[in-house]
N, C-alpha and C. Protein backbone atom coordinates (compact mmCIF):
# COMPACT_ATOMS: atom_id res chain seq x y z
N LEU A 1 13.89 2.55 -8.00
CA LEU A 1 14.83 3.63 -7.80
C LEU A 1 16.14 3.36 -8.52
N LYS A 2 16.60 2.13 -8.44
CA LYS A 2 17.85 1.78 -9.12
C LYS A 2 17.67 1.84 -10.64
N HIS A 3 16.50 1.44 -11.12
CA HIS A 3 16.21 1.53 -12.56
C HIS A 3 16.22 2.99 -13.01
N PHE A 4 15.56 3.84 -12.25
CA PHE A 4 15.55 5.28 -12.55
C PHE A 4 16.98 5.80 -12.61
N ASN A 5 17.78 5.44 -11.63
CA ASN A 5 19.16 5.92 -11.57
C ASN A 5 19.98 5.43 -12.76
N ARG A 6 19.81 4.17 -13.15
CA ARG A 6 20.54 3.64 -14.31
C ARG A 6 20.15 4.37 -15.59
N CYS A 7 18.87 4.64 -15.76
CA CYS A 7 18.40 5.30 -16.99
C CYS A 7 18.84 6.76 -17.08
N ILE A 8 18.86 7.42 -15.97
CA ILE A 8 19.16 8.85 -15.95
C ILE A 8 20.65 9.12 -15.75
N ASN A 9 21.34 8.24 -15.10
CA ASN A 9 22.73 8.46 -14.71
C ASN A 9 23.65 8.70 -15.89
N THR A 10 23.38 8.12 -17.03
CA THR A 10 24.25 8.28 -18.20
C THR A 10 24.21 9.70 -18.75
N ARG A 11 23.15 10.41 -18.47
CA ARG A 11 22.99 11.76 -19.02
C ARG A 11 23.42 12.85 -18.05
N SER A 12 23.32 12.58 -16.77
CA SER A 12 23.52 13.66 -15.79
C SER A 12 24.25 13.17 -14.55
N VAL A 13 25.44 12.67 -14.73
CA VAL A 13 26.20 12.09 -13.62
C VAL A 13 26.50 13.12 -12.54
N SER A 14 26.84 14.33 -12.92
CA SER A 14 27.25 15.32 -11.93
C SER A 14 26.12 16.23 -11.46
N TYR A 15 24.92 16.05 -11.99
CA TYR A 15 23.79 16.89 -11.63
C TYR A 15 22.83 16.16 -10.70
N TYR A 16 22.08 16.95 -9.94
CA TYR A 16 20.99 16.37 -9.16
C TYR A 16 19.83 16.09 -10.09
N ARG A 17 19.08 15.03 -9.80
CA ARG A 17 17.91 14.65 -10.59
C ARG A 17 16.68 14.67 -9.69
N LEU A 18 15.53 14.96 -10.25
CA LEU A 18 14.28 15.02 -9.50
C LEU A 18 13.45 13.79 -9.82
N LEU A 19 13.00 13.11 -8.78
CA LEU A 19 12.13 11.95 -8.92
C LEU A 19 10.83 12.25 -8.18
N ILE A 20 9.72 12.23 -8.90
CA ILE A 20 8.41 12.52 -8.30
C ILE A 20 7.75 11.19 -7.98
N LEU A 21 7.32 11.05 -6.72
CA LEU A 21 6.79 9.78 -6.22
C LEU A 21 5.43 9.97 -5.56
N ASN A 22 4.72 8.86 -5.44
CA ASN A 22 3.53 8.88 -4.60
C ASN A 22 3.98 8.64 -3.16
N GLY A 23 3.09 8.69 -2.22
CA GLY A 23 3.47 8.58 -0.83
C GLY A 23 3.52 7.17 -0.28
N HIS A 24 3.74 6.17 -1.12
CA HIS A 24 3.77 4.78 -0.65
C HIS A 24 4.84 4.60 0.41
N GLU A 25 4.53 3.80 1.42
CA GLU A 25 5.43 3.63 2.57
C GLU A 25 6.79 3.06 2.19
N SER A 26 6.89 2.32 1.10
CA SER A 26 8.18 1.76 0.70
C SER A 26 9.16 2.85 0.28
N HIS A 27 8.66 4.02 -0.06
CA HIS A 27 9.52 5.13 -0.45
C HIS A 27 10.09 5.87 0.75
N HIS A 28 9.73 5.46 1.94
CA HIS A 28 10.19 6.14 3.14
C HIS A 28 11.17 5.31 3.96
N SER A 29 11.67 4.23 3.41
CA SER A 29 12.59 3.37 4.17
C SER A 29 13.97 4.02 4.26
N LEU A 30 14.74 3.58 5.24
CA LEU A 30 16.08 4.12 5.45
C LEU A 30 16.99 3.77 4.28
N ASP A 31 16.88 2.54 3.76
CA ASP A 31 17.70 2.14 2.61
C ASP A 31 17.39 3.01 1.39
N PHE A 32 16.12 3.28 1.16
CA PHE A 32 15.69 4.13 0.05
C PHE A 32 16.30 5.52 0.19
N LYS A 33 16.20 6.06 1.39
CA LYS A 33 16.72 7.41 1.65
C LYS A 33 18.23 7.48 1.45
N LYS A 34 18.94 6.49 1.95
CA LYS A 34 20.40 6.46 1.78
C LYS A 34 20.77 6.39 0.30
N TYR A 35 20.04 5.59 -0.46
CA TYR A 35 20.34 5.42 -1.88
C TYR A 35 20.15 6.71 -2.65
N TYR A 36 19.00 7.38 -2.46
CA TYR A 36 18.79 8.59 -3.25
C TYR A 36 19.70 9.72 -2.81
N GLN A 37 20.07 9.77 -1.55
CA GLN A 37 21.01 10.81 -1.12
C GLN A 37 22.41 10.56 -1.70
N ALA A 38 22.84 9.31 -1.73
CA ALA A 38 24.16 8.96 -2.25
C ALA A 38 24.26 9.15 -3.76
N ASN A 39 23.12 9.13 -4.46
CA ASN A 39 23.12 9.21 -5.92
C ASN A 39 22.57 10.52 -6.48
N LYS A 40 22.54 11.54 -5.65
CA LYS A 40 22.11 12.88 -6.08
C LYS A 40 20.71 12.88 -6.69
N ILE A 41 19.80 12.21 -6.02
CA ILE A 41 18.41 12.17 -6.46
C ILE A 41 17.57 12.92 -5.43
N ILE A 42 16.84 13.91 -5.88
CA ILE A 42 15.94 14.66 -5.02
C ILE A 42 14.55 14.06 -5.19
N THR A 43 13.90 13.75 -4.09
CA THR A 43 12.56 13.16 -4.17
C THR A 43 11.51 14.21 -3.83
N LEU A 44 10.44 14.16 -4.57
CA LEU A 44 9.29 15.03 -4.34
C LEU A 44 8.08 14.11 -4.23
N TYR A 45 7.40 14.17 -3.10
CA TYR A 45 6.26 13.29 -2.86
C TYR A 45 4.96 14.02 -3.18
N MET A 46 4.14 13.37 -3.99
CA MET A 46 2.82 13.91 -4.30
C MET A 46 1.90 13.69 -3.11
N PRO A 47 1.11 14.69 -2.75
CA PRO A 47 0.18 14.51 -1.65
C PRO A 47 -0.93 13.52 -2.02
N PRO A 48 -1.41 12.77 -1.04
CA PRO A 48 -2.47 11.80 -1.33
C PRO A 48 -3.79 12.49 -1.68
N TYR A 49 -4.59 11.79 -2.45
CA TYR A 49 -5.96 12.21 -2.80
C TYR A 49 -6.01 13.50 -3.62
N LEU A 50 -4.93 13.83 -4.32
CA LEU A 50 -4.95 15.02 -5.16
C LEU A 50 -4.63 14.70 -6.61
N SER A 51 -4.71 13.44 -6.99
CA SER A 51 -4.36 13.08 -8.37
C SER A 51 -5.28 13.76 -9.38
N HIS A 52 -6.52 14.01 -9.02
CA HIS A 52 -7.43 14.68 -9.95
C HIS A 52 -6.98 16.12 -10.24
N LEU A 53 -6.21 16.71 -9.33
CA LEU A 53 -5.69 18.06 -9.56
C LEU A 53 -4.31 18.03 -10.20
N LEU A 54 -3.49 17.07 -9.80
CA LEU A 54 -2.11 17.02 -10.27
C LEU A 54 -1.93 16.22 -11.56
N GLN A 55 -2.88 15.34 -11.85
CA GLN A 55 -2.80 14.52 -13.06
C GLN A 55 -4.13 14.56 -13.81
N PRO A 56 -4.53 15.71 -14.29
CA PRO A 56 -5.87 15.80 -14.91
C PRO A 56 -6.03 14.93 -16.15
N LEU A 57 -4.98 14.74 -16.94
CA LEU A 57 -5.11 13.89 -18.12
C LEU A 57 -5.35 12.44 -17.72
N ASP A 58 -4.66 12.00 -16.69
CA ASP A 58 -4.81 10.62 -16.25
C ASP A 58 -6.22 10.37 -15.71
N VAL A 59 -6.75 11.33 -15.01
CA VAL A 59 -8.07 11.15 -14.40
C VAL A 59 -9.19 11.31 -15.41
N ARG A 60 -9.08 12.28 -16.30
CA ARG A 60 -10.18 12.56 -17.22
C ARG A 60 -10.03 11.85 -18.57
N CYS A 61 -9.01 12.19 -19.30
CA CYS A 61 -8.87 11.67 -20.67
C CYS A 61 -8.49 10.20 -20.70
N PHE A 62 -7.43 9.87 -20.00
CA PHE A 62 -6.94 8.50 -20.08
C PHE A 62 -7.82 7.51 -19.33
N SER A 63 -8.63 7.99 -18.41
CA SER A 63 -9.53 7.06 -17.70
C SER A 63 -10.53 6.44 -18.68
N LEU A 64 -10.97 7.20 -19.67
CA LEU A 64 -11.87 6.65 -20.68
C LEU A 64 -11.17 5.60 -21.53
N LEU A 65 -9.93 5.87 -21.87
CA LEU A 65 -9.14 4.91 -22.65
C LEU A 65 -8.89 3.64 -21.84
N LYS A 66 -8.55 3.80 -20.56
CA LYS A 66 -8.33 2.64 -19.69
C LYS A 66 -9.59 1.79 -19.59
N LYS A 67 -10.73 2.44 -19.46
CA LYS A 67 -11.99 1.72 -19.36
C LYS A 67 -12.26 0.94 -20.64
N ALA A 68 -12.02 1.56 -21.78
CA ALA A 68 -12.23 0.88 -23.06
C ALA A 68 -11.30 -0.32 -23.21
N TYR A 69 -10.04 -0.17 -22.80
CA TYR A 69 -9.10 -1.30 -22.85
C TYR A 69 -9.55 -2.44 -21.95
N ARG A 70 -9.99 -2.11 -20.73
CA ARG A 70 -10.47 -3.15 -19.80
C ARG A 70 -11.64 -3.92 -20.40
N GLN A 71 -12.58 -3.19 -21.00
CA GLN A 71 -13.74 -3.84 -21.60
C GLN A 71 -13.32 -4.74 -22.76
N GLU A 72 -12.40 -4.29 -23.56
CA GLU A 72 -11.92 -5.08 -24.70
C GLU A 72 -11.20 -6.34 -24.23
N ILE A 73 -10.40 -6.20 -23.20
CA ILE A 73 -9.68 -7.36 -22.65
C ILE A 73 -10.66 -8.38 -22.09
N LYS A 74 -11.67 -7.90 -21.37
CA LYS A 74 -12.70 -8.82 -20.85
C LYS A 74 -13.41 -9.54 -21.98
N TYR A 75 -13.68 -8.82 -23.05
CA TYR A 75 -14.35 -9.41 -24.21
C TYR A 75 -13.47 -10.49 -24.85
N LEU A 76 -12.19 -10.21 -24.97
CA LEU A 76 -11.27 -11.15 -25.62
C LEU A 76 -10.97 -12.38 -24.76
N ILE A 77 -11.04 -12.21 -23.47
CA ILE A 77 -10.76 -13.35 -22.58
C ILE A 77 -12.00 -14.18 -22.48
């Protein structure tokens, strides 16, 4: 979150920024919430088990590329 804020803060100090997250429990802590509220960051949580609908390139196209990379790495190791 701090990395996101550092990278984006130089461009949009006075504007709200949108950060899209998965539903990992670490994103729901009180410290996390205080930080994003204090730094004008709006969080949007992706629902679980819907990545095939929300990220079709990652699931279909890039999954083949990821598989090929994994096989190549196994071969090289």
